[in-house]
């Protein structure tokens, strides 16, 4: 019975060298073994395959039988595959190829496609798998080891992470064009708190930021609030006049630039935070992930759009 699991590269190399040199002793010298040791490798091969692999009767020394030739062709394909694997391993180790699973909070979906596209133009051999979710979902995935890296606002305490600052992340209070509070300078807190605020769902970092702002501004004042589960829905609701909302400036960059939304001015606004690229402290980044981190650090001055927060 032929057993592939009993086959070794040393056996195949012995066969190859004997056929190349025509001599058992020359093959042994090339392998830095004794001739009996090389002979033993061939005997094991022949016992395993149940046939002669070498013809020892010719005047030119050893040559492969038809069965031996078949095995040598397979050996050639194996060597080619292994050489290719070694090249790939070297590229992976150098960060030239590989894949990175990148988690990003949902607010970042307005900047991440452009960032990823720029990186892949610079490093086409590295594949980025981008997964979007709210802050709670990304933190859960980070803790479970689902992501190589994560892009978010405030880094978490748990799990412990190593964070790279990417750039400014302003949050603005948006209203529809023509809103009574727009264009009049700083809005007094009492007038602001009389408005209906549209909030993201629980677990959203934007909701946490909005709630903190309202607590600090209102000092216990109860405000009218409406909950919606996406930035796009909130933008449409604000444009329709259902209320005002605090959103990432990068979420509303295009709407502010084209006048479809306006930014209101008030004490404590805009709320300036930072974007971070993080990885778990107990999970050193792969070479591909390190390549992305290094690229972000080298280019972070122009990775994010500048937001005009003036009404």
C-alpha atoms as a PDB file:
ATOM      1  CA  UNK A   1       0.000   0.000   0.000  1.00  0.00           C
ATOM      2  CA  UNK A   2       1.466   3.357  -1.056  1.00  0.00           C
ATOM      3  CA  UNK A   3       1.616   5.843   1.820  1.00  0.00           C
ATOM      4  CA  UNK A   4       2.046   9.505   0.909  1.00  0.00           C
ATOM      5  CA  UNK A   5       2.423  10.398   4.553  1.00  0.00           C
ATOM      6  CA  UNK A   6       5.616   8.328   4.624  1.00  0.00           C
ATOM      7  CA  UNK A   7       7.065  10.333   1.730  1.00  0.00           C
ATOM      8  CA  UNK A   8       9.714  12.943   2.597  1.00  0.00           C
ATOM      9  CA  UNK A   9      11.414  15.709   0.661  1.00  0.00           C
ATOM     10  CA  UNK A  10      14.787  14.215   1.562  1.00  0.00           C
ATOM     11  CA  UNK A  11      13.830  10.968  -0.173  1.00  0.00           C
ATOM     12  CA  UNK A  12      12.738  12.837  -3.294  1.00  0.00           C
ATOM     13  CA  UNK A  13      15.904  14.946  -3.280  1.00  0.00           C
ATOM     14  CA  UNK A  14      17.994  11.768  -3.024  1.00  0.00           C
ATOM     15  CA  UNK A  15      16.228  10.377  -6.069  1.00  0.00           C
ATOM     16  CA  UNK A  16      16.655  13.648  -7.971  1.00  0.00           C
ATOM     17  CA  UNK A  17      20.364  13.981  -7.220  1.00  0.00           C
ATOM     18  CA  UNK A  18      21.149  10.360  -8.121  1.00  0.00           C
ATOM     19  CA  UNK A  19      19.434  10.849 -11.479  1.00  0.00           C
ATOM     20  CA  UNK A  20      21.141  14.201 -12.034  1.00  0.00           C
ATOM     21  CA  UNK A  21      24.637  12.910 -11.228  1.00  0.00           C
ATOM     22  CA  UNK A  22      24.207   9.243 -12.214  1.00  0.00           C
ATOM     23  CA  UNK A  23      26.106   8.351  -9.045  1.00  0.00           C
ATOM     24  CA  UNK A  24      25.110   7.326  -5.561  1.00  0.00           C
ATOM     25  CA  UNK A  25      28.338   8.685  -4.093  1.00  0.00           C
ATOM     26  CA  UNK A  26      28.022  12.051  -5.867  1.00  0.00           C
ATOM     27  CA  UNK A  27      24.468  12.405  -4.604  1.00  0.00           C
ATOM     28  CA  UNK A  28      25.629  11.543  -1.099  1.00  0.00           C
ATOM     29  CA  UNK A  29      28.351  14.196  -1.282  1.00  0.00           C
ATOM     30  CA  UNK A  30      25.879  16.846  -2.456  1.00  0.00           C
ATOM     31  CA  UNK A  31      23.586  15.997   0.437  1.00  0.00           C
ATOM     32  CA  UNK A  32      26.437  15.675   2.940  1.00  0.00           C
ATOM     33  CA  UNK A  33      25.376  12.131   3.750  1.00  0.00           C
ATOM     34  CA  UNK A  34      27.074   8.756   3.402  1.00  0.00           C
ATOM     35  CA  UNK A  35      26.285   6.599   0.347  1.00  0.00           C
ATOM     36  CA  UNK A  36      24.568   3.966   2.562  1.00  0.00           C
ATOM     37  CA  UNK A  37      22.318   6.699   3.977  1.00  0.00           C
ATOM     38  CA  UNK A  38      21.290   7.822   0.493  1.00  0.00           C
ATOM     39  CA  UNK A  39      20.792   4.197  -0.563  1.00  0.00           C
ATOM     40  CA  UNK A  40      18.521   3.773   2.453  1.00  0.00           C
ATOM     41  CA  UNK A  41      16.386   6.752   1.334  1.00  0.00           C
ATOM     42  CA  UNK A  42      15.892   5.145  -2.101  1.00  0.00           C
ATOM     43  CA  UNK A  43      15.124   1.720  -0.626  1.00  0.00           C
ATOM     44  CA  UNK A  44      12.431   3.252   1.587  1.00  0.00           C
ATOM     45  CA  UNK A  45      10.948   5.014  -1.442  1.00  0.00           C
ATOM     46  CA  UNK A  46      10.891   1.848  -3.517  1.00  0.00           C
ATOM     47  CA  UNK A  47       9.394  -0.191  -0.666  1.00  0.00           C
ATOM     48  CA  UNK A  48       6.706   2.458  -0.223  1.00  0.00           C
ATOM     49  CA  UNK A  49       5.731   2.543  -3.915  1.00  0.00           C
ATOM     50  CA  UNK A  50       6.317  -1.174  -4.491  1.00  0.00           C
ATOM     51  CA  UNK A  51       8.401  -0.727  -7.634  1.00  0.00           C
ATOM     52  CA  UNK A  52      11.896   0.058  -8.849  1.00  0.00           C
ATOM     53  CA  UNK A  53      12.514   3.787  -9.241  1.00  0.00           C
ATOM     54  CA  UNK A  54      16.106   3.560 -10.506  1.00  0.00           C
ATOM     55  CA  UNK A  55      17.706   1.516 -13.252  1.00  0.00           C
ATOM     56  CA  UNK A  56      21.188   0.570 -12.078  1.00  0.00           C
ATOM     57  CA  UNK A  57      22.271  -1.384 -15.203  1.00  0.00           C
ATOM     58  CA  UNK A  58      22.984   1.337 -17.759  1.00  0.00           C
ATOM     59  CA  UNK A  59      26.510   2.428 -18.787  1.00  0.00           C
ATOM     60  CA  UNK A  60      25.780   6.043 -17.832  1.00  0.00           C
ATOM     61  CA  UNK A  61      25.137   5.166 -14.200  1.00  0.00           C
ATOM     62  CA  UNK A  62      21.826   5.418 -12.468  1.00  0.00           C
ATOM     63  CA  UNK A  63      18.766   6.646 -14.335  1.00  0.00           C
ATOM     64  CA  UNK A  64      15.117   6.824 -13.448  1.00  0.00           C
ATOM     65  CA  UNK A  65      12.654   4.149 -14.452  1.00  0.00           C
ATOM     66  CA  UNK A  66       9.301   5.194 -15.904  1.00  0.00           C
ATOM     67  CA  UNK A  67       7.906   5.109 -12.354  1.00  0.00           C
ATOM     68  CA  UNK A  68      10.861   7.132 -11.114  1.00  0.00           C
ATOM     69  CA  UNK A  69      10.319   9.728 -13.855  1.00  0.00           C
ATOM     70  CA  UNK A  70       6.695  10.106 -12.773  1.00  0.00           C
ATOM     71  CA  UNK A  71       7.828  10.722  -9.218  1.00  0.00           C
ATOM     72  CA  UNK A  72      10.497  13.199 -10.345  1.00  0.00           C
ATOM     73  CA  UNK A  73       7.921  15.192 -12.298  1.00  0.00           C
ATOM     74  CA  UNK A  74       5.788  15.360  -9.163  1.00  0.00           C
ATOM     75  CA  UNK A  75       8.877  16.433  -7.213  1.00  0.00           C
ATOM     76  CA  UNK A  76       9.425  19.258  -9.694  1.00  0.00           C
ATOM     77  CA  UNK A  77       5.857  20.496  -9.208  1.00  0.00           C
ATOM     78  CA  UNK A  78       6.268  20.277  -5.439  1.00  0.00           C
ATOM     79  CA  UNK A  79       9.469  22.337  -5.565  1.00  0.00           C
ATOM     80  CA  UNK A  80       7.783  24.951  -7.731  1.00  0.00           C
ATOM     81  CA  UNK A  81       4.837  25.184  -5.314  1.00  0.00           C
ATOM     82  CA  UNK A  82       7.179  25.434  -2.331  1.00  0.00           C
ATOM     83  CA  UNK A  83       9.270  28.139  -4.000  1.00  0.00           C
ATOM     84  CA  UNK A  84       6.071  30.082  -4.682  1.00  0.00           C
ATOM     85  CA  UNK A  85       5.006  29.624  -1.052  1.00  0.00           C
ATOM     86  CA  UNK A  86       8.375  30.889   0.197  1.00  0.00           C
ATOM     87  CA  UNK A  87       8.066  33.977  -1.983  1.00  0.00           C
ATOM     88  CA  UNK A  88       4.568  34.577  -0.629  1.00  0.00           C
ATOM     89  CA  UNK A  89       5.736  34.077   2.961  1.00  0.00           C
ATOM     90  CA  UNK A  90       8.540  36.586   2.443  1.00  0.00           C
ATOM     91  CA  UNK A  91       6.032  39.069   1.012  1.00  0.00           C
ATOM     92  CA  UNK A  92       3.676  38.501   3.930  1.00  0.00           C
ATOM     93  CA  UNK A  93       6.495  38.984   6.424  1.00  0.00           C
ATOM     94  CA  UNK A  94       7.472  42.225   4.700  1.00  0.00           C
ATOM     95  CA  UNK A  95       3.860  43.468   4.683  1.00  0.00           C
ATOM     96  CA  UNK A  96       3.606  43.528   0.877  1.00  0.00           C
ATOM     97  CA  UNK A  97       0.718  41.054   0.716  1.00  0.00           C
ATOM     98  CA  UNK A  98      -1.909  39.644   3.041  1.00  0.00           C
ATOM     99  CA  UNK A  99      -5.297  40.717   4.311  1.00  0.00           C
ATOM    100  CA  UNK A 100      -6.551  42.941   7.103  1.00  0.00           C
ATOM    101  CA  UNK A 101      -9.994  42.675   8.696  1.00  0.00           C
ATOM    102  CA  UNK A 102     -10.809  46.279   9.582  1.00  0.00           C
ATOM    103  CA  UNK A 103     -13.763  47.137  11.789  1.00  0.00           C
ATOM    104  CA  UNK A 104     -15.137  50.675  11.648  1.00  0.00           C
ATOM    105  CA  UNK A 105     -17.899  52.460  13.527  1.00  0.00           C
ATOM    106  CA  UNK A 106     -20.844  53.358  11.323  1.00  0.00           C
ATOM    107  CA  UNK A 107     -20.058  57.079  11.408  1.00  0.00           C
ATOM    108  CA  UNK A 108     -16.719  56.290   9.740  1.00  0.00           C
ATOM    109  CA  UNK A 109     -18.381  54.818   6.654  1.00  0.00           C
ATOM    110  CA  UNK A 110     -18.259  58.299   5.132  1.00  0.00           C
ATOM    111  CA  UNK A 111     -14.452  58.418   5.256  1.00  0.00           C
ATOM    112  CA  UNK A 112     -13.332  54.787   5.267  1.00  0.00           C
ATOM    113  CA  UNK A 113     -14.033  53.844   1.615  1.00  0.00           C
ATOM    114  CA  UNK A 114     -11.796  56.678   0.407  1.00  0.00           C
ATOM    115  CA  UNK A 115      -9.090  55.845   2.927  1.00  0.00           C
ATOM    116  CA  UNK A 116      -9.132  52.147   2.026  1.00  0.00           C
ATOM    117  CA  UNK A 117      -9.112  52.908  -1.706  1.00  0.00           C
ATOM    118  CA  UNK A 118      -6.060  55.153  -1.309  1.00  0.00           C
ATOM    119  CA  UNK A 119      -4.230  52.531   0.706  1.00  0.00           C
ATOM    120  CA  UNK A 120      -4.955  49.776  -1.786  1.00  0.00           C
ATOM    121  CA  UNK A 121      -3.655  51.922  -4.618  1.00  0.00           C
ATOM    122  CA  UNK A 122      -0.448  52.293  -2.607  1.00  0.00           C
ATOM    123  CA  UNK A 123      -0.345  48.620  -1.532  1.00  0.00           C
ATOM    124  CA  UNK A 124      -2.304  46.612  -4.108  1.00  0.00           C
ATOM    125  CA  UNK A 125      -1.132  43.292  -2.675  1.00  0.00           C
ATOM    126  CA  UNK A 126      -2.937  43.823   0.643  1.00  0.00           C
ATOM    127  CA  UNK A 127      -6.668  43.099   0.806  1.00  0.00           C
ATOM    128  CA  UNK A 128      -8.797  45.097   3.244  1.00  0.00           C
ATOM    129  CA  UNK A 129     -11.996  43.470   4.534  1.00  0.00           C
ATOM    130  CA  UNK A 130     -14.063  46.375   5.882  1.00  0.00           C
ATOM    131  CA  UNK A 131     -16.835  45.681   8.392  1.00  0.00           C
ATOM    132  CA  UNK A 132     -19.116  48.468   9.621  1.00  0.00           C
ATOM    133  CA  UNK A 133     -21.172  48.549  12.839  1.00  0.00           C
ATOM    134  CA  UNK A 134     -22.127  50.850  15.664  1.00  0.00           C
ATOM    135  CA  UNK A 135     -19.659  51.398  18.491  1.00  0.00           C
ATOM    136  CA  UNK A 136     -21.053  48.577  20.637  1.00  0.00           C
ATOM    137  CA  UNK A 137     -20.770  46.114  17.744  1.00  0.00           C
ATOM    138  CA  UNK A 138     -17.203  47.132  16.897  1.00  0.00           C
ATOM    139  CA  UNK A 139     -16.108  46.905  20.530  1.00  0.00           C
ATOM    140  CA  UNK A 140     -17.652  43.441  20.824  1.00  0.00           C
ATOM    141  CA  UNK A 141     -15.848  42.328  17.661  1.00  0.00           C
ATOM    142  CA  UNK A 142     -12.578  43.803  18.891  1.00  0.00           C
ATOM    143  CA  UNK A 143     -12.894  41.967  22.198  1.00  0.00           C
ATOM    144  CA  UNK A 144     -13.738  38.714  20.387  1.00  0.00           C
ATOM    145  CA  UNK A 145     -10.659  39.037  18.167  1.00  0.00           C
ATOM    146  CA  UNK A 146     -12.724  39.428  14.969  1.00  0.00           C
ATOM    147  CA  UNK A 147     -10.774  42.477  13.777  1.00  0.00           C
ATOM    148  CA  UNK A 148      -7.100  43.035  13.104  1.00  0.00           C
ATOM    149  CA  UNK A 149      -7.669  46.770  13.452  1.00  0.00           C
ATOM    150  CA  UNK A 150     -10.594  49.033  14.271  1.00  0.00           C
ATOM    151  CA  UNK A 151     -11.331  52.637  13.303  1.00  0.00           C
ATOM    152  CA  UNK A 152     -13.316  54.585  15.884  1.00  0.00           C
ATOM    153  CA  UNK A 153     -13.564  57.608  18.104  1.00  0.00           C
ATOM    154  CA  UNK A 154     -12.690  57.373  21.789  1.00  0.00           C
ATOM    155  CA  UNK A 155     -10.600  54.214  22.396  1.00  0.00           C
ATOM    156  CA  UNK A 156     -12.154  51.764  24.878  1.00  0.00           C
ATOM    157  CA  UNK A 157     -10.826  50.858  28.301  1.00  0.00           C
ATOM    158  CA  UNK A 158     -11.838  47.236  27.707  1.00  0.00           C
ATOM    159  CA  UNK A 159     -10.339  45.566  25.832  1.00  0.00           C
ATOM    160  CA  UNK A 160      -7.032  47.332  26.337  1.00  0.00           C
ATOM    161  CA  UNK A 161      -5.853  48.722  22.996  1.00  0.00           C
ATOM    162  CA  UNK A 162      -2.935  50.464  21.354  1.00  0.00           C
ATOM    163  CA  UNK A 163      -4.288  53.563  19.585  1.00  0.00           C
ATOM    164  CA  UNK A 164      -2.915  55.627  16.704  1.00  0.00           C
ATOM    165  CA  UNK A 165      -4.410  59.110  16.339  1.00  0.00           C
ATOM    166  CA  UNK A 166      -5.600  59.598  12.761  1.00  0.00           C
ATOM    167  CA  UNK A 167      -7.008  63.132  12.831  1.00  0.00           C
ATOM    168  CA  UNK A 168      -9.638  65.574  14.062  1.00  0.00           C
ATOM    169  CA  UNK A 169     -13.229  64.408  14.317  1.00  0.00           C
ATOM    170  CA  UNK A 170     -15.536  67.390  14.829  1.00  0.00           C
ATOM    171  CA  UNK A 171     -19.194  66.894  15.727  1.00  0.00           C
ATOM    172  CA  UNK A 172     -21.633  69.583  14.703  1.00  0.00           C
ATOM    173  CA  UNK A 173     -25.220  70.484  15.537  1.00  0.00           C
ATOM    174  CA  UNK A 174     -27.160  70.426  12.290  1.00  0.00           C
ATOM    175  CA  UNK A 175     -30.437  72.015  11.237  1.00  0.00           C
ATOM    176  CA  UNK A 176     -32.266  72.488   7.924  1.00  0.00           C
ATOM    177  CA  UNK A 177     -31.551  75.586   5.799  1.00  0.00           C
ATOM    178  CA  UNK A 178     -33.597  78.558   6.987  1.00  0.00           C
ATOM    179  CA  UNK A 179     -33.924  77.264  10.556  1.00  0.00           C
ATOM    180  CA  UNK A 180     -34.698  80.140  13.006  1.00  0.00           C
ATOM    181  CA  UNK A 181     -31.534  79.381  15.016  1.00  0.00           C
ATOM    182  CA  UNK A 182     -29.253  79.391  12.006  1.00  0.00           C
ATOM    183  CA  UNK A 183     -27.005  82.314  11.036  1.00  0.00           C
ATOM    184  CA  UNK A 184     -27.624  84.252  14.249  1.00  0.00           C
ATOM    185  CA  UNK A 185     -24.376  83.483  16.060  1.00  0.00           C
ATOM    186  CA  UNK A 186     -24.235  81.572  19.320  1.00  0.00           C
ATOM    187  CA  UNK A 187     -27.644  80.173  20.286  1.00  0.00           C
ATOM    188  CA  UNK A 188     -28.571  80.574  23.990  1.00  0.00           C
ATOM    189  CA  UNK A 189     -28.866  77.280  25.870  1.00  0.00           C
ATOM    190  CA  UNK A 190     -32.550  77.841  26.744  1.00  0.00           C
ATOM    191  CA  UNK A 191     -33.529  78.243  23.077  1.00  0.00           C
ATOM    192  CA  UNK A 192     -31.426  75.280  22.078  1.00  0.00           C
ATOM    193  CA  UNK A 193     -32.975  73.015  24.698  1.00  0.00           C
ATOM    194  CA  UNK A 194     -36.466  73.900  23.495  1.00  0.00           C
ATOM    195  CA  UNK A 195     -35.754  72.090  20.223  1.00  0.00           C
ATOM    196  CA  UNK A 196     -36.422  68.429  19.465  1.00  0.00           C
ATOM    197  CA  UNK A 197     -33.184  66.451  19.293  1.00  0.00           C
ATOM    198  CA  UNK A 198     -32.853  63.424  17.034  1.00  0.00           C
ATOM    199  CA  UNK A 199     -30.558  60.764  18.532  1.00  0.00           C
ATOM    200  CA  UNK A 200     -28.946  57.591  17.270  1.00  0.00           C
ATOM    201  CA  UNK A 201     -29.806  54.215  18.818  1.00  0.00           C
ATOM    202  CA  UNK A 202     -28.336  52.996  22.156  1.00  0.00           C
ATOM    203  CA  UNK A 203     -24.796  51.696  21.665  1.00  0.00           C
ATOM    204  CA  UNK A 204     -23.907  54.463  19.225  1.00  0.00           C
ATOM    205  CA  UNK A 205     -20.917  56.659  20.040  1.00  0.00           C
ATOM    206  CA  UNK A 206     -22.736  59.651  18.524  1.00  0.00           C
ATOM    207  CA  UNK A 207     -25.645  59.113  20.903  1.00  0.00           C
ATOM    208  CA  UNK A 208     -23.279  58.985  23.882  1.00  0.00           C
ATOM    209  CA  UNK A 209     -21.703  62.268  22.777  1.00  0.00           C
ATOM    210  CA  UNK A 210     -25.103  63.930  22.230  1.00  0.00           C
ATOM    211  CA  UNK A 211     -26.428  62.789  25.601  1.00  0.00           C
ATOM    212  CA  UNK A 212     -23.330  64.137  27.337  1.00  0.00           C
ATOM    213  CA  UNK A 213     -23.680  67.485  25.541  1.00  0.00           C
ATOM    214  CA  UNK A 214     -27.338  67.802  26.524  1.00  0.00           C
ATOM    215  CA  UNK A 215     -26.580  66.900  30.143  1.00  0.00           C
ATOM    216  CA  UNK A 216     -23.823  69.515  30.336  1.00  0.00           C
ATOM    217  CA  UNK A 217     -25.860  72.179  28.540  1.00  0.00           C
ATOM    218  CA  UNK A 218     -29.223  71.565  30.204  1.00  0.00           C
ATOM    219  CA  UNK A 219     -28.061  70.637  33.714  1.00  0.00           C
ATOM    220  CA  UNK A 220     -31.037  68.346  34.199  1.00  0.00           C
ATOM    221  CA  UNK A 221     -33.413  69.975  31.704  1.00  0.00           C
ATOM    222  CA  UNK A 222     -35.573  67.392  29.964  1.00  0.00           C
ATOM    223  CA  UNK A 223     -35.496  67.705  26.176  1.00  0.00           C
ATOM    224  CA  UNK A 224     -37.756  66.262  23.511  1.00  0.00           C
ATOM    225  CA  UNK A 225     -35.943  63.412  21.822  1.00  0.00           C
ATOM    226  CA  UNK A 226     -36.563  61.160  18.850  1.00  0.00           C
ATOM    227  CA  UNK A 227     -34.490  58.026  18.198  1.00  0.00           C
ATOM    228  CA  UNK A 228     -33.396  56.824  14.760  1.00  0.00           C
ATOM    229  CA  UNK A 229     -31.004  54.047  13.862  1.00  0.00           C
ATOM    230  CA  UNK A 230     -28.847  55.516  11.111  1.00  0.00           C
ATOM    231  CA  UNK A 231     -27.044  58.719  10.222  1.00  0.00           C
ATOM    232  CA  UNK A 232     -28.750  58.818   6.822  1.00  0.00           C
ATOM    233  CA  UNK A 233     -32.207  58.647   8.385  1.00  0.00           C
ATOM    234  CA  UNK A 234     -31.282  61.389  10.846  1.00  0.00           C
ATOM    235  CA  UNK A 235     -30.024  63.646   8.057  1.00  0.00           C
ATOM    236  CA  UNK A 236     -33.277  63.209   6.138  1.00  0.00           C
ATOM    237  CA  UNK A 237     -35.309  63.840   9.282  1.00  0.00           C
ATOM    238  CA  UNK A 238     -33.399  67.054  10.021  1.00  0.00           C
ATOM    239  CA  UNK A 239     -33.857  68.253   6.434  1.00  0.00           C
ATOM    240  CA  UNK A 240     -37.586  67.528   6.768  1.00  0.00           C
ATOM    241  CA  UNK A 241     -37.785  69.714   9.897  1.00  0.00           C
ATOM    242  CA  UNK A 242     -38.425  66.974  12.473  1.00  0.00           C
ATOM    243  CA  UNK A 243     -35.673  68.242  14.747  1.00  0.00           C
ATOM    244  CA  UNK A 244     -31.991  69.033  15.074  1.00  0.00           C
ATOM    245  CA  UNK A 245     -29.143  66.605  15.698  1.00  0.00           C
ATOM    246  CA  UNK A 246     -25.490  66.318  16.595  1.00  0.00           C
ATOM    247  CA  UNK A 247     -23.625  64.289  13.995  1.00  0.00           C
ATOM    248  CA  UNK A 248     -20.050  63.767  12.930  1.00  0.00           C
ATOM    249  CA  UNK A 249     -18.899  66.551  10.648  1.00  0.00           C
ATOM    250  CA  UNK A 250     -17.624  63.874   8.289  1.00  0.00           C
ATOM    251  CA  UNK A 251     -21.129  62.441   8.101  1.00  0.00           C
ATOM    252  CA  UNK A 252     -22.587  65.751   6.907  1.00  0.00           C
ATOM    253  CA  UNK A 253     -19.580  67.146   5.040  1.00  0.00           C
ATOM    254  CA  UNK A 254     -21.291  67.158   1.626  1.00  0.00           C
ATOM    255  CA  UNK A 255     -24.595  68.545   2.955  1.00  0.00           C
ATOM    256  CA  UNK A 256     -22.849  71.430   4.738  1.00  0.00           C
ATOM    257  CA  UNK A 257     -20.759  72.210   1.668  1.00  0.00           C
ATOM    258  CA  UNK A 258     -23.809  72.335  -0.616  1.00  0.00           C
ATOM    259  CA  UNK A 259     -26.140  74.124   1.812  1.00  0.00           C
ATOM    260  CA  UNK A 260     -28.561  71.241   2.251  1.00  0.00           C
ATOM    261  CA  UNK A 261     -27.884  71.440   5.992  1.00  0.00           C
ATOM    262  CA  UNK A 262     -26.467  74.174   8.221  1.00  0.00           C
ATOM    263  CA  UNK A 263     -24.361  73.999  11.387  1.00  0.00           C
ATOM    264  CA  UNK A 264     -25.757  75.811  14.426  1.00  0.00           C
ATOM    265  CA  UNK A 265     -23.467  77.711  16.772  1.00  0.00           C
ATOM    266  CA  UNK A 266     -23.680  77.315  20.553  1.00  0.00           C
ATOM    267  CA  UNK A 267     -21.440  77.085  23.595  1.00  0.00           C
ATOM    268  CA  UNK A 268     -19.471  73.847  23.511  1.00  0.00           C
ATOM    269  CA  UNK A 269     -19.851  73.440  19.737  1.00  0.00           C
ATOM    270  CA  UNK A 270     -18.416  72.050  17.606  1.00  0.00           C
ATOM    271  CA  UNK A 271     -17.454  69.107  19.799  1.00  0.00           C
ATOM    272  CA  UNK A 272     -13.919  68.216  18.793  1.00  0.00           C
ATOM    273  CA  UNK A 273     -12.866  64.601  19.118  1.00  0.00           C
ATOM    274  CA  UNK A 274     -10.278  62.460  17.383  1.00  0.00           C
ATOM    275  CA  UNK A 275     -10.364  59.481  15.071  1.00  0.00           C
ATOM    276  CA  UNK A 276      -8.199  56.524  16.099  1.00  0.00           C
ATOM    277  CA  UNK A 277      -6.953  53.322  14.514  1.00  0.00           C
ATOM    278  CA  UNK A 278      -6.643  50.722  17.270  1.00  0.00           C
ATOM    279  CA  UNK A 279      -5.620  47.131  17.819  1.00  0.00           C
ATOM    280  CA  UNK A 280      -5.797  44.978  20.915  1.00  0.00           C
ATOM    281  CA  UNK A 281      -2.760  45.409  23.140  1.00  0.00           C
ATOM    282  CA  UNK A 282      -2.426  41.642  23.532  1.00  0.00           C
ATOM    283  CA  UNK A 283      -2.625  41.000  19.762  1.00  0.00           C
ATOM    284  CA  UNK A 284       0.389  42.465  17.925  1.00  0.00           C
ATOM    285  CA  UNK A 285      -0.609  43.469  14.373  1.00  0.00           C
ATOM    286  CA  UNK A 286       0.276  41.221  11.466  1.00  0.00           C
ATOM    287  CA  UNK A 287       2.729  42.487   8.886  1.00  0.00           C
ATOM    288  CA  UNK A 288      -0.154  43.526   6.616  1.00  0.00           C
ATOM    289  CA  UNK A 289      -1.922  45.329   9.484  1.00  0.00           C
ATOM    290  CA  UNK A 290       1.357  47.002  10.446  1.00  0.00           C
ATOM    291  CA  UNK A 291       1.737  48.171   6.833  1.00  0.00           C
ATOM    292  CA  UNK A 292      -1.708  49.815   7.047  1.00  0.00           C
ATOM    293  CA  UNK A 293      -0.887  51.438  10.393  1.00  0.00           C
ATOM    294  CA  UNK A 294       2.416  52.778   9.074  1.00  0.00           C
ATOM    295  CA  UNK A 295       0.707  54.131   5.953  1.00  0.00           C
ATOM    296  CA  UNK A 296      -1.992  55.860   8.031  1.00  0.00           C
ATOM    297  CA  UNK A 297       0.637  57.411  10.284  1.00  0.00           C
ATOM    298  CA  UNK A 298       2.640  58.662   7.293  1.00  0.00           C
ATOM    299  CA  UNK A 299      -0.423  60.156   5.558  1.00  0.00           C
ATOM    300  CA  UNK A 300      -2.717  61.185   8.386  1.00  0.00           C
ATOM    301  CA  UNK A 301      -2.313  64.888   7.617  1.00  0.00           C
ATOM    302  CA  UNK A 302      -4.570  64.599   4.568  1.00  0.00           C
ATOM    303  CA  UNK A 303      -6.703  61.504   5.117  1.00  0.00           C
ATOM    304  CA  UNK A 304      -9.790  63.323   6.407  1.00  0.00           C
ATOM    305  CA  UNK A 305     -11.815  66.180   4.886  1.00  0.00           C
ATOM    306  CA  UNK A 306     -11.719  69.579   6.588  1.00  0.00           C
ATOM    307  CA  UNK A 307     -15.155  70.460   7.958  1.00  0.00           C
ATOM    308  CA  UNK A 308     -16.571  73.989   7.819  1.00  0.00           C
ATOM    309  CA  UNK A 309     -18.523  74.281  11.067  1.00  0.00           C
ATOM    310  CA  UNK A 310     -19.705  77.843  10.532  1.00  0.00           C
ATOM    311  CA  UNK A 311     -23.445  78.379  10.022  1.00  0.00           C
END
